[in-house]
C-alpha cells in the first residue's frame, strides 16, 4: 500500500538464507570443519525467527483494522509441536482474509475446503489447552463432539493442561 514501509525479509530474503544456512552443515562436514552438520542449525534458527516476525506482523495488521489479533505467536517455536503447524496454517488463512478485505473483492470470501475441514484454522483465538479438550476444533468430522471433561482425563494430562493457566 502507498505510504507503508515494507517490513520483513520477503520471500527470497527468507528462503535464501534458510537454504544457505541448511547447506552450511553438509559443507562443513565435507571439509571436516569443527561443528560439522551442526552448522545447519543456523538455517533452522533463521526460519523460526522469520516465522515469528511474520506472525507478529499478521497480528499487527489485524490490530490496525481494530480487530482481535488472531495468532498466538509463541506457538511457532519448535518446542510446541504441533502448535507451530497450527499457527502456520492459521497465519496463511488470516493473512489471505486480510488481503481479501483490502482488495474489496466482495463481502464473503470464497470457501476454503482445507479450512472447512480443519476448523481450528478459522476459529476465534483459543488457548492451547482448549485445543486438547475440544475435538470439534480438530476436524469437521468431529463438529458435533462434546468437549472432553477434564475430570475424564488421566491425572498427568490434567496436570499438563494446568500449565500456563492463572490460578
Protein backbone atom coordinates (compact mmCIF):
# COMPACT_ATOMS: atom_id res chain seq x y z
CA UNK A 1 0.00 0.00 0.00
CA UNK A 2 1.11 3.54 -0.69
CA UNK A 3 2.90 5.18 2.20
CA UNK A 4 3.61 1.97 4.10
CA UNK A 5 7.17 0.90 4.66
CA UNK A 6 7.71 -2.79 3.84
CA UNK A 7 8.70 -4.90 6.81
CA UNK A 8 10.36 -8.29 6.97
CA UNK A 9 12.68 -10.09 4.59
CA UNK A 10 10.28 -11.07 1.81
CA UNK A 11 10.16 -14.49 0.19
CA UNK A 12 13.68 -14.58 -1.24
CA UNK A 13 15.14 -12.86 1.81
CA UNK A 14 13.67 -15.62 3.97
CA UNK A 15 14.20 -18.75 1.88
CA UNK A 16 17.66 -17.79 0.59
CA UNK A 17 19.40 -17.54 3.98
CA UNK A 18 17.39 -20.53 5.24
CA UNK A 19 18.60 -22.75 2.39
CA UNK A 20 22.18 -21.49 2.61
CA UNK A 21 22.06 -22.00 6.37
CA UNK A 22 20.95 -25.60 5.90
CA UNK A 23 23.78 -26.17 3.39
CA UNK A 24 26.41 -24.98 5.87
CA UNK A 25 26.19 -28.27 7.77
CA UNK A 26 26.91 -30.68 4.91
CA UNK A 27 29.63 -28.35 3.55
CA UNK A 28 31.28 -28.08 6.99
CA UNK A 29 31.09 -31.88 7.34
CA UNK A 30 32.55 -32.37 3.87
CA UNK A 31 35.53 -30.14 4.69
CA UNK A 32 35.88 -31.58 8.21
CA UNK A 33 35.28 -28.19 9.83
CA UNK A 34 34.58 -28.00 13.56
CA UNK A 35 30.89 -28.32 14.29
CA UNK A 36 30.14 -30.24 11.09
CA UNK A 37 26.45 -30.73 10.40
CA UNK A 38 25.52 -28.64 13.44
CA UNK A 39 26.06 -25.53 11.29
CA UNK A 40 22.69 -26.29 9.66
CA UNK A 41 21.10 -25.16 12.89
CA UNK A 42 21.70 -21.57 11.74
CA UNK A 43 19.22 -22.04 8.88
CA UNK A 44 16.64 -23.54 11.21
CA UNK A 45 17.02 -20.73 13.76
CA UNK A 46 16.69 -18.16 10.97
CA UNK A 47 13.46 -19.65 9.58
CA UNK A 48 11.86 -19.73 13.04
CA UNK A 49 12.90 -16.12 13.59
CA UNK A 50 11.29 -15.03 10.32
CA UNK A 51 8.15 -17.03 11.13
CA UNK A 52 7.91 -15.20 14.43
CA UNK A 53 8.24 -11.85 12.60
CA UNK A 54 5.57 -12.83 10.06
CA UNK A 55 3.06 -13.96 12.68
CA UNK A 56 3.67 -10.80 14.67
CA UNK A 57 3.09 -8.74 11.50
CA UNK A 58 -0.20 -10.51 10.74
CA UNK A 59 -1.37 -9.69 14.27
CA UNK A 60 -0.32 -6.05 13.77
CA UNK A 61 -2.32 -5.84 10.51
CA UNK A 62 -5.42 -7.09 12.30
CA UNK A 63 -4.83 -4.70 15.19
CA UNK A 64 -4.54 -1.77 12.72
CA UNK A 65 -8.03 -2.69 11.48
CA UNK A 66 -9.36 -2.71 15.04
CA UNK A 67 -9.76 -6.49 15.04
CA UNK A 68 -8.56 -9.03 17.58
CA UNK A 69 -5.12 -10.48 16.94
CA UNK A 70 -5.83 -13.95 15.50
CA UNK A 71 -2.48 -15.66 16.13
CA UNK A 72 -0.71 -16.87 19.25
CA UNK A 73 2.81 -16.00 18.11
CA UNK A 74 4.81 -18.09 20.60
CA UNK A 75 3.19 -21.25 19.20
CA UNK A 76 5.64 -21.00 16.29
CA UNK A 77 8.51 -22.16 18.50
CA UNK A 78 9.57 -25.73 17.64
CA UNK A 79 9.24 -26.95 21.21
CA UNK A 80 5.47 -26.51 20.92
CA UNK A 81 4.90 -29.01 18.12
CA UNK A 82 2.21 -29.40 16.72
CA UNK A 83 1.23 -25.83 17.54
CA UNK A 84 3.85 -24.44 15.15
CA UNK A 85 1.88 -26.20 12.40
CA UNK A 86 -1.45 -24.96 13.81
CA UNK A 87 -0.31 -21.32 13.94
CA UNK A 88 1.28 -21.62 10.48
CA UNK A 89 -1.98 -22.77 8.92
CA UNK A 90 -3.89 -20.07 10.80
CA UNK A 91 -1.40 -17.44 9.56
CA UNK A 92 -1.98 -18.39 5.92
CA UNK A 93 -5.75 -18.21 6.42
CA UNK A 94 -5.86 -14.92 8.32
CA UNK A 95 -3.35 -13.21 6.03
CA UNK A 96 -5.38 -14.25 2.97
CA UNK A 97 -8.56 -12.96 4.67
CA UNK A 98 -6.82 -9.65 5.39
CA UNK A 99 -5.80 -9.17 1.76
CA UNK A 100 -9.23 -10.28 0.54
CA UNK A 101 -10.78 -7.47 2.61
CA UNK A 102 -8.16 -4.99 1.40
CA UNK A 103 -8.83 -5.80 -2.27
CA UNK A 104 -12.57 -5.37 -1.73
CA UNK A 105 -13.46 -8.40 -3.84
CA UNK A 106 -16.80 -8.86 -2.09
CA UNK A 107 -18.38 -9.30 1.29
CA UNK A 108 -17.90 -13.05 1.62
CA UNK A 109 -14.55 -14.68 0.94
CA UNK A 110 -14.56 -17.79 -1.26
CA UNK A 111 -14.80 -21.10 0.54
CA UNK A 112 -11.61 -22.80 1.64
CA UNK A 113 -12.01 -26.59 1.77
CA UNK A 114 -8.90 -27.06 3.93
CA UNK A 115 -10.06 -24.50 6.50
CA UNK A 116 -13.56 -26.03 6.43
CA UNK A 117 -12.16 -29.49 7.18
CA UNK A 118 -9.84 -28.22 9.94
CA UNK A 119 -11.96 -25.75 11.97
CA UNK A 120 -9.02 -24.68 14.16
CA UNK A 121 -7.73 -22.72 11.16
CA UNK A 122 -10.66 -20.29 11.15
CA UNK A 123 -11.66 -20.45 14.83
CA UNK A 124 -11.51 -17.42 17.06
CA UNK A 125 -8.31 -17.22 19.07
CA UNK A 126 -8.13 -20.08 21.56
CA UNK A 127 -5.79 -21.29 24.30
CA UNK A 128 -3.67 -24.36 23.65
CA UNK A 129 -5.49 -26.18 26.46
CA UNK A 130 -8.80 -25.70 24.61
CA UNK A 131 -7.37 -27.38 21.55
CA UNK A 132 -6.79 -30.58 23.54
CA UNK A 133 -10.29 -30.82 25.00
CA UNK A 134 -12.42 -29.56 22.09
CA UNK A 135 -12.49 -32.22 19.35
CA UNK A 136 -14.75 -30.00 17.23
CA UNK A 137 -11.67 -27.83 16.58
CA UNK A 138 -9.70 -30.80 15.23
CA UNK A 139 -11.67 -31.61 12.09
CA UNK A 140 -15.17 -31.18 10.67
CA UNK A 141 -15.92 -34.89 11.14
CA UNK A 142 -15.97 -34.17 14.89
CA UNK A 143 -18.07 -30.98 14.69
CA UNK A 144 -20.85 -32.43 16.86
CA UNK A 145 -18.50 -33.82 19.50
CA UNK A 146 -18.82 -32.73 23.10
CA UNK A 147 -15.88 -31.20 24.92
CA UNK A 148 -13.79 -33.73 26.78
CA UNK A 149 -14.47 -33.21 30.50
CA UNK A 150 -11.20 -32.59 32.32
CA UNK A 151 -12.18 -34.99 35.08
CA UNK A 152 -12.27 -37.80 32.49
CA UNK A 153 -8.64 -37.21 31.57
CA UNK A 154 -5.78 -39.07 33.25
CA UNK A 155 -4.17 -37.23 36.16
CA UNK A 156 -0.92 -36.39 34.31
CA UNK A 157 -2.90 -34.86 31.40
CA UNK A 158 -4.97 -32.72 33.79
CA UNK A 159 -1.74 -31.52 35.39
CA UNK A 160 -0.23 -30.83 31.96
CA UNK A 161 -3.27 -28.76 30.95
CA UNK A 162 -2.80 -26.57 34.06
CA UNK A 163 0.48 -25.22 32.67
CA UNK A 164 0.10 -21.55 31.87
CA UNK A 165 -3.32 -21.16 33.44
CA UNK A 166 -3.60 -18.46 36.05
CA UNK A 167 -4.61 -19.66 39.48
